[in-house]
């Protein structure tokens, strides 16, 4: 599966992405903000993740979609957007993401997430997507707001980070399909 924006190709992870995954995720600043990523992050971790994704390619109604974020100009994986906990009955899912530190501040996270949100609401016909951001992660909380998510609450001591073992409070954000479409209409009018 492929999604495309002006600068990005959002695609299935491939075996040739191993080095780029390790480069991006073997950074404590990245892995400590993602609950499920070990530190150090090794080639073996990357290969196992790619294999897991490859084994799910033929499934029509997946519970999880992983999009490698490829920067077209460099033909390089610079991050991942994950849509998981997809529940077709309830019409909901969770979105998560990371971007290699060398590419922070370039709007890549926002651009990639907008495209995946469009996929979630338009193609999967979901009505709600939620996002969790550690209370202390200013950048992740800023991205949630920039994407139009509404802060719905804070879950205290809700998450342990695999990389550090540290326990975090998590802000929970929600975005409804109609809010996403309203936000898109507003942007095209300006």
C-alpha atoms as a PDB file:
ATOM      1  CA  UNK A   1       0.000   0.000   0.000  1.00  0.00           C
ATOM      2  CA  UNK A   2       1.229   3.485  -0.875  1.00  0.00           C
ATOM      3  CA  UNK A   3       0.094   6.966   0.015  1.00  0.00           C
ATOM      4  CA  UNK A   4       1.780  10.032  -1.398  1.00  0.00           C
ATOM      5  CA  UNK A   5       2.193  13.710  -0.569  1.00  0.00           C
ATOM      6  CA  UNK A   6       4.208  16.381  -2.311  1.00  0.00           C
ATOM      7  CA  UNK A   7       7.423  15.453  -0.457  1.00  0.00           C
ATOM      8  CA  UNK A   8       6.702  12.020   0.980  1.00  0.00           C
ATOM      9  CA  UNK A   9       5.979   8.475  -0.049  1.00  0.00           C
ATOM     10  CA  UNK A  10       4.181   6.516   2.678  1.00  0.00           C
ATOM     11  CA  UNK A  11       4.687   2.849   1.908  1.00  0.00           C
ATOM     12  CA  UNK A  12       5.174  -0.630   3.325  1.00  0.00           C
ATOM     13  CA  UNK A  13       8.491  -1.118   5.146  1.00  0.00           C
ATOM     14  CA  UNK A  14      11.101  -3.023   3.084  1.00  0.00           C
ATOM     15  CA  UNK A  15      14.219  -5.050   3.862  1.00  0.00           C
ATOM     16  CA  UNK A  16      16.423  -2.264   2.528  1.00  0.00           C
ATOM     17  CA  UNK A  17      15.063   0.003   5.314  1.00  0.00           C
ATOM     18  CA  UNK A  18      17.014  -1.785   8.074  1.00  0.00           C
ATOM     19  CA  UNK A  19      19.851   0.750   8.256  1.00  0.00           C
ATOM     20  CA  UNK A  20      17.498   3.725   8.174  1.00  0.00           C
ATOM     21  CA  UNK A  21      15.357   2.213  10.948  1.00  0.00           C
ATOM     22  CA  UNK A  22      18.400   1.602  13.131  1.00  0.00           C
ATOM     23  CA  UNK A  23      19.759   5.083  12.437  1.00  0.00           C
ATOM     24  CA  UNK A  24      16.470   6.682  13.458  1.00  0.00           C
ATOM     25  CA  UNK A  25      15.467   4.472  16.377  1.00  0.00           C
ATOM     26  CA  UNK A  26      18.874   3.830  17.943  1.00  0.00           C
ATOM     27  CA  UNK A  27      18.740   7.302  19.445  1.00  0.00           C
ATOM     28  CA  UNK A  28      17.689   7.533  23.075  1.00  0.00           C
ATOM     29  CA  UNK A  29      15.767  10.780  22.410  1.00  0.00           C
ATOM     30  CA  UNK A  30      13.539   8.837  20.011  1.00  0.00           C
ATOM     31  CA  UNK A  31      13.281   5.493  21.807  1.00  0.00           C
ATOM     32  CA  UNK A  32      12.488   7.065  25.204  1.00  0.00           C
ATOM     33  CA  UNK A  33       9.424   8.725  23.718  1.00  0.00           C
ATOM     34  CA  UNK A  34       8.106   5.464  22.225  1.00  0.00           C
ATOM     35  CA  UNK A  35       6.894   2.950  24.745  1.00  0.00           C
ATOM     36  CA  UNK A  36       7.615  -0.206  22.755  1.00  0.00           C
ATOM     37  CA  UNK A  37      11.096   0.517  21.275  1.00  0.00           C
ATOM     38  CA  UNK A  38      14.123  -0.966  23.050  1.00  0.00           C
ATOM     39  CA  UNK A  39      17.419   0.852  23.421  1.00  0.00           C
ATOM     40  CA  UNK A  40      19.766   0.068  21.851  1.00  0.00           C
ATOM     41  CA  UNK A  41      17.732  -0.631  18.719  1.00  0.00           C
ATOM     42  CA  UNK A  42      19.520  -3.213  16.588  1.00  0.00           C
ATOM     43  CA  UNK A  43      19.443  -4.520  13.027  1.00  0.00           C
ATOM     44  CA  UNK A  44      17.792  -7.638  14.405  1.00  0.00           C
ATOM     45  CA  UNK A  45      14.968  -5.518  15.889  1.00  0.00           C
ATOM     46  CA  UNK A  46      14.517  -3.785  12.523  1.00  0.00           C
ATOM     47  CA  UNK A  47      14.491  -7.053  10.534  1.00  0.00           C
ATOM     48  CA  UNK A  48      11.935  -8.617  12.904  1.00  0.00           C
ATOM     49  CA  UNK A  49       9.650  -5.584  12.609  1.00  0.00           C
ATOM     50  CA  UNK A  50       9.895  -5.591   8.806  1.00  0.00           C
ATOM     51  CA  UNK A  51       9.138  -9.342   8.697  1.00  0.00           C
ATOM     52  CA  UNK A  52       6.117  -8.904  10.956  1.00  0.00           C
ATOM     53  CA  UNK A  53       4.791  -6.235   8.598  1.00  0.00           C
ATOM     54  CA  UNK A  54       5.511  -8.306   5.498  1.00  0.00           C
ATOM     55  CA  UNK A  55       3.511 -11.228   6.877  1.00  0.00           C
ATOM     56  CA  UNK A  56       0.377  -9.038   7.136  1.00  0.00           C
ATOM     57  CA  UNK A  57       0.387  -7.617   3.587  1.00  0.00           C
ATOM     58  CA  UNK A  58      -2.403  -9.779   2.135  1.00  0.00           C
ATOM     59  CA  UNK A  59      -4.891  -9.101   4.925  1.00  0.00           C
ATOM     60  CA  UNK A  60      -7.774  -6.888   3.764  1.00  0.00           C
ATOM     61  CA  UNK A  61      -9.108  -5.524   7.066  1.00  0.00           C
ATOM     62  CA  UNK A  62      -5.990  -5.156   9.162  1.00  0.00           C
ATOM     63  CA  UNK A  63      -5.843  -4.183  12.809  1.00  0.00           C
ATOM     64  CA  UNK A  64      -2.574  -2.327  12.189  1.00  0.00           C
ATOM     65  CA  UNK A  65      -1.095  -0.302   9.322  1.00  0.00           C
ATOM     66  CA  UNK A  66       2.566   0.731   9.372  1.00  0.00           C
ATOM     67  CA  UNK A  67       3.649   3.346   6.865  1.00  0.00           C
ATOM     68  CA  UNK A  68       7.344   3.922   6.273  1.00  0.00           C
ATOM     69  CA  UNK A  69       7.863   7.642   5.677  1.00  0.00           C
ATOM     70  CA  UNK A  70      10.198   7.960   2.700  1.00  0.00           C
ATOM     71  CA  UNK A  71      11.529  11.403   1.862  1.00  0.00           C
ATOM     72  CA  UNK A  72      11.277  11.368  -1.952  1.00  0.00           C
ATOM     73  CA  UNK A  73      14.227  13.709  -2.492  1.00  0.00           C
ATOM     74  CA  UNK A  74      16.570  11.350  -0.601  1.00  0.00           C
ATOM     75  CA  UNK A  75      14.820   7.998  -1.219  1.00  0.00           C
ATOM     76  CA  UNK A  76      15.347   7.335   2.482  1.00  0.00           C
ATOM     77  CA  UNK A  77      13.112   6.119   5.306  1.00  0.00           C
ATOM     78  CA  UNK A  78      13.020   8.986   7.804  1.00  0.00           C
ATOM     79  CA  UNK A  79      10.273   7.724  10.104  1.00  0.00           C
ATOM     80  CA  UNK A  80       7.085   5.719  10.495  1.00  0.00           C
ATOM     81  CA  UNK A  81       3.394   6.471  10.980  1.00  0.00           C
ATOM     82  CA  UNK A  82       1.430   3.709  12.673  1.00  0.00           C
ATOM     83  CA  UNK A  83      -2.329   3.295  12.650  1.00  0.00           C
ATOM     84  CA  UNK A  84      -3.145   0.520  15.105  1.00  0.00           C
ATOM     85  CA  UNK A  85      -5.905  -0.804  17.345  1.00  0.00           C
ATOM     86  CA  UNK A  86      -8.137  -0.452  14.287  1.00  0.00           C
ATOM     87  CA  UNK A  87     -11.651  -1.378  15.365  1.00  0.00           C
ATOM     88  CA  UNK A  88     -14.012  -1.470  12.397  1.00  0.00           C
ATOM     89  CA  UNK A  89     -17.092  -2.068  14.548  1.00  0.00           C
ATOM     90  CA  UNK A  90     -16.478   1.001  16.723  1.00  0.00           C
ATOM     91  CA  UNK A  91     -14.918   2.958  13.846  1.00  0.00           C
ATOM     92  CA  UNK A  92     -11.806   3.903  15.773  1.00  0.00           C
ATOM     93  CA  UNK A  93      -8.029   3.564  15.766  1.00  0.00           C
ATOM     94  CA  UNK A  94      -4.900   4.978  17.379  1.00  0.00           C
ATOM     95  CA  UNK A  95      -2.202   6.862  15.486  1.00  0.00           C
ATOM     96  CA  UNK A  96       1.463   7.057  16.460  1.00  0.00           C
ATOM     97  CA  UNK A  97       4.633   8.201  14.755  1.00  0.00           C
ATOM     98  CA  UNK A  98       8.332   8.910  14.972  1.00  0.00           C
ATOM     99  CA  UNK A  99      10.803  10.775  12.758  1.00  0.00           C
ATOM    100  CA  UNK A 100      14.589  10.551  12.686  1.00  0.00           C
ATOM    101  CA  UNK A 101      16.011  13.409  14.779  1.00  0.00           C
ATOM    102  CA  UNK A 102      17.979  14.691  11.754  1.00  0.00           C
ATOM    103  CA  UNK A 103      14.631  15.559  10.118  1.00  0.00           C
ATOM    104  CA  UNK A 104      12.892  17.274  13.034  1.00  0.00           C
ATOM    105  CA  UNK A 105      11.405  20.710  12.458  1.00  0.00           C
ATOM    106  CA  UNK A 106      10.679  20.176   8.743  1.00  0.00           C
ATOM    107  CA  UNK A 107       6.944  19.484   8.979  1.00  0.00           C
ATOM    108  CA  UNK A 108       7.378  15.836   7.988  1.00  0.00           C
ATOM    109  CA  UNK A 109       5.383  14.482  10.953  1.00  0.00           C
ATOM    110  CA  UNK A 110       2.426  16.780  10.251  1.00  0.00           C
ATOM    111  CA  UNK A 111       2.433  16.080   6.504  1.00  0.00           C
ATOM    112  CA  UNK A 112       2.646  12.296   6.956  1.00  0.00           C
ATOM    113  CA  UNK A 113       0.014  12.175   9.697  1.00  0.00           C
ATOM    114  CA  UNK A 114      -2.471  14.258   7.699  1.00  0.00           C
ATOM    115  CA  UNK A 115      -2.223  11.791   4.830  1.00  0.00           C
ATOM    116  CA  UNK A 116      -2.679   8.774   7.135  1.00  0.00           C
ATOM    117  CA  UNK A 117      -5.631  10.475   8.852  1.00  0.00           C
ATOM    118  CA  UNK A 118      -7.196  11.018   5.430  1.00  0.00           C
ATOM    119  CA  UNK A 119      -6.687   7.284   4.754  1.00  0.00           C
ATOM    120  CA  UNK A 120      -8.242   6.380   8.137  1.00  0.00           C
ATOM    121  CA  UNK A 121     -11.344   8.521   7.665  1.00  0.00           C
ATOM    122  CA  UNK A 122     -11.765   8.192   3.894  1.00  0.00           C
ATOM    123  CA  UNK A 123     -10.638   4.653   3.013  1.00  0.00           C
ATOM    124  CA  UNK A 124     -11.193   2.788   6.278  1.00  0.00           C
ATOM    125  CA  UNK A 125     -14.323   4.827   7.042  1.00  0.00           C
ATOM    126  CA  UNK A 126     -13.351   5.341  10.685  1.00  0.00           C
ATOM    127  CA  UNK A 127     -15.129   8.005  12.691  1.00  0.00           C
ATOM    128  CA  UNK A 128     -12.525   8.588  15.420  1.00  0.00           C
ATOM    129  CA  UNK A 129      -8.738   8.445  15.811  1.00  0.00           C
ATOM    130  CA  UNK A 130      -6.951   8.937  19.104  1.00  0.00           C
ATOM    131  CA  UNK A 131      -3.350   9.766  19.903  1.00  0.00           C
ATOM    132  CA  UNK A 132      -1.306   9.542  23.086  1.00  0.00           C
ATOM    133  CA  UNK A 133       1.551  11.904  23.906  1.00  0.00           C
ATOM    134  CA  UNK A 134       3.679  11.854  27.042  1.00  0.00           C
ATOM    135  CA  UNK A 135       2.917  14.905  29.168  1.00  0.00           C
ATOM    136  CA  UNK A 136       6.567  16.047  29.038  1.00  0.00           C
ATOM    137  CA  UNK A 137       6.877  15.735  25.250  1.00  0.00           C
ATOM    138  CA  UNK A 138       6.201  19.279  24.097  1.00  0.00           C
ATOM    139  CA  UNK A 139       6.783  18.440  20.415  1.00  0.00           C
ATOM    140  CA  UNK A 140       4.307  15.523  20.366  1.00  0.00           C
ATOM    141  CA  UNK A 141       1.654  17.543  22.185  1.00  0.00           C
ATOM    142  CA  UNK A 142       2.199  20.434  19.752  1.00  0.00           C
ATOM    143  CA  UNK A 143       1.806  18.074  16.753  1.00  0.00           C
ATOM    144  CA  UNK A 144      -1.472  16.702  18.154  1.00  0.00           C
ATOM    145  CA  UNK A 145      -2.883  20.221  18.426  1.00  0.00           C
ATOM    146  CA  UNK A 146      -1.567  21.216  14.998  1.00  0.00           C
ATOM    147  CA  UNK A 147      -3.356  18.200  13.486  1.00  0.00           C
ATOM    148  CA  UNK A 148      -6.619  19.348  15.091  1.00  0.00           C
ATOM    149  CA  UNK A 149      -6.836  16.787  17.897  1.00  0.00           C
ATOM    150  CA  UNK A 150      -8.683  17.733  21.088  1.00  0.00           C
ATOM    151  CA  UNK A 151      -7.148  16.992  24.477  1.00  0.00           C
ATOM    152  CA  UNK A 152      -9.577  14.608  26.182  1.00  0.00           C
ATOM    153  CA  UNK A 153      -7.677  13.924  29.376  1.00  0.00           C
ATOM    154  CA  UNK A 154      -4.492  12.782  31.053  1.00  0.00           C
ATOM    155  CA  UNK A 155      -3.877   9.195  32.052  1.00  0.00           C
ATOM    156  CA  UNK A 156      -1.666   9.230  35.122  1.00  0.00           C
ATOM    157  CA  UNK A 157       1.274   6.810  35.292  1.00  0.00           C
ATOM    158  CA  UNK A 158      -0.180   5.022  32.292  1.00  0.00           C
ATOM    159  CA  UNK A 159       2.838   4.055  30.256  1.00  0.00           C
ATOM    160  CA  UNK A 160       6.265   2.537  30.806  1.00  0.00           C
ATOM    161  CA  UNK A 161       8.977   3.159  28.224  1.00  0.00           C
ATOM    162  CA  UNK A 162      10.840   0.016  27.199  1.00  0.00           C
ATOM    163  CA  UNK A 163      14.054   1.956  26.479  1.00  0.00           C
ATOM    164  CA  UNK A 164      14.385   3.493  29.951  1.00  0.00           C
ATOM    165  CA  UNK A 165      11.799   1.822  32.175  1.00  0.00           C
ATOM    166  CA  UNK A 166      10.514   5.293  33.103  1.00  0.00           C
ATOM    167  CA  UNK A 167       6.785   5.650  33.814  1.00  0.00           C
ATOM    168  CA  UNK A 168       4.919   8.509  32.126  1.00  0.00           C
ATOM    169  CA  UNK A 169       1.644  10.347  32.363  1.00  0.00           C
ATOM    170  CA  UNK A 170       0.002  10.399  28.931  1.00  0.00           C
ATOM    171  CA  UNK A 171      -2.182  13.062  27.363  1.00  0.00           C
ATOM    172  CA  UNK A 172      -4.964  11.465  25.345  1.00  0.00           C
ATOM    173  CA  UNK A 173      -6.209  13.311  22.269  1.00  0.00           C
ATOM    174  CA  UNK A 174      -9.134  12.535  19.977  1.00  0.00           C
ATOM    175  CA  UNK A 175     -10.069  13.586  16.447  1.00  0.00           C
ATOM    176  CA  UNK A 176     -13.455  12.927  14.861  1.00  0.00           C
ATOM    177  CA  UNK A 177     -13.978  12.505  11.119  1.00  0.00           C
ATOM    178  CA  UNK A 178     -16.157  15.624  10.857  1.00  0.00           C
ATOM    179  CA  UNK A 179     -13.522  17.696  12.696  1.00  0.00           C
ATOM    180  CA  UNK A 180     -10.845  16.489  10.282  1.00  0.00           C
ATOM    181  CA  UNK A 181     -12.963  17.362   7.226  1.00  0.00           C
ATOM    182  CA  UNK A 182     -13.973  20.732   8.690  1.00  0.00           C
ATOM    183  CA  UNK A 183     -10.309  21.526   9.337  1.00  0.00           C
ATOM    184  CA  UNK A 184      -9.389  20.546   5.743  1.00  0.00           C
ATOM    185  CA  UNK A 185     -12.169  22.712   4.299  1.00  0.00           C
ATOM    186  CA  UNK A 186     -11.017  25.661   6.407  1.00  0.00           C
ATOM    187  CA  UNK A 187      -7.438  25.295   5.144  1.00  0.00           C
ATOM    188  CA  UNK A 188      -8.490  25.167   1.455  1.00  0.00           C
ATOM    189  CA  UNK A 189     -10.574  28.355   1.838  1.00  0.00           C
ATOM    190  CA  UNK A 190      -7.590  30.312   3.213  1.00  0.00           C
END
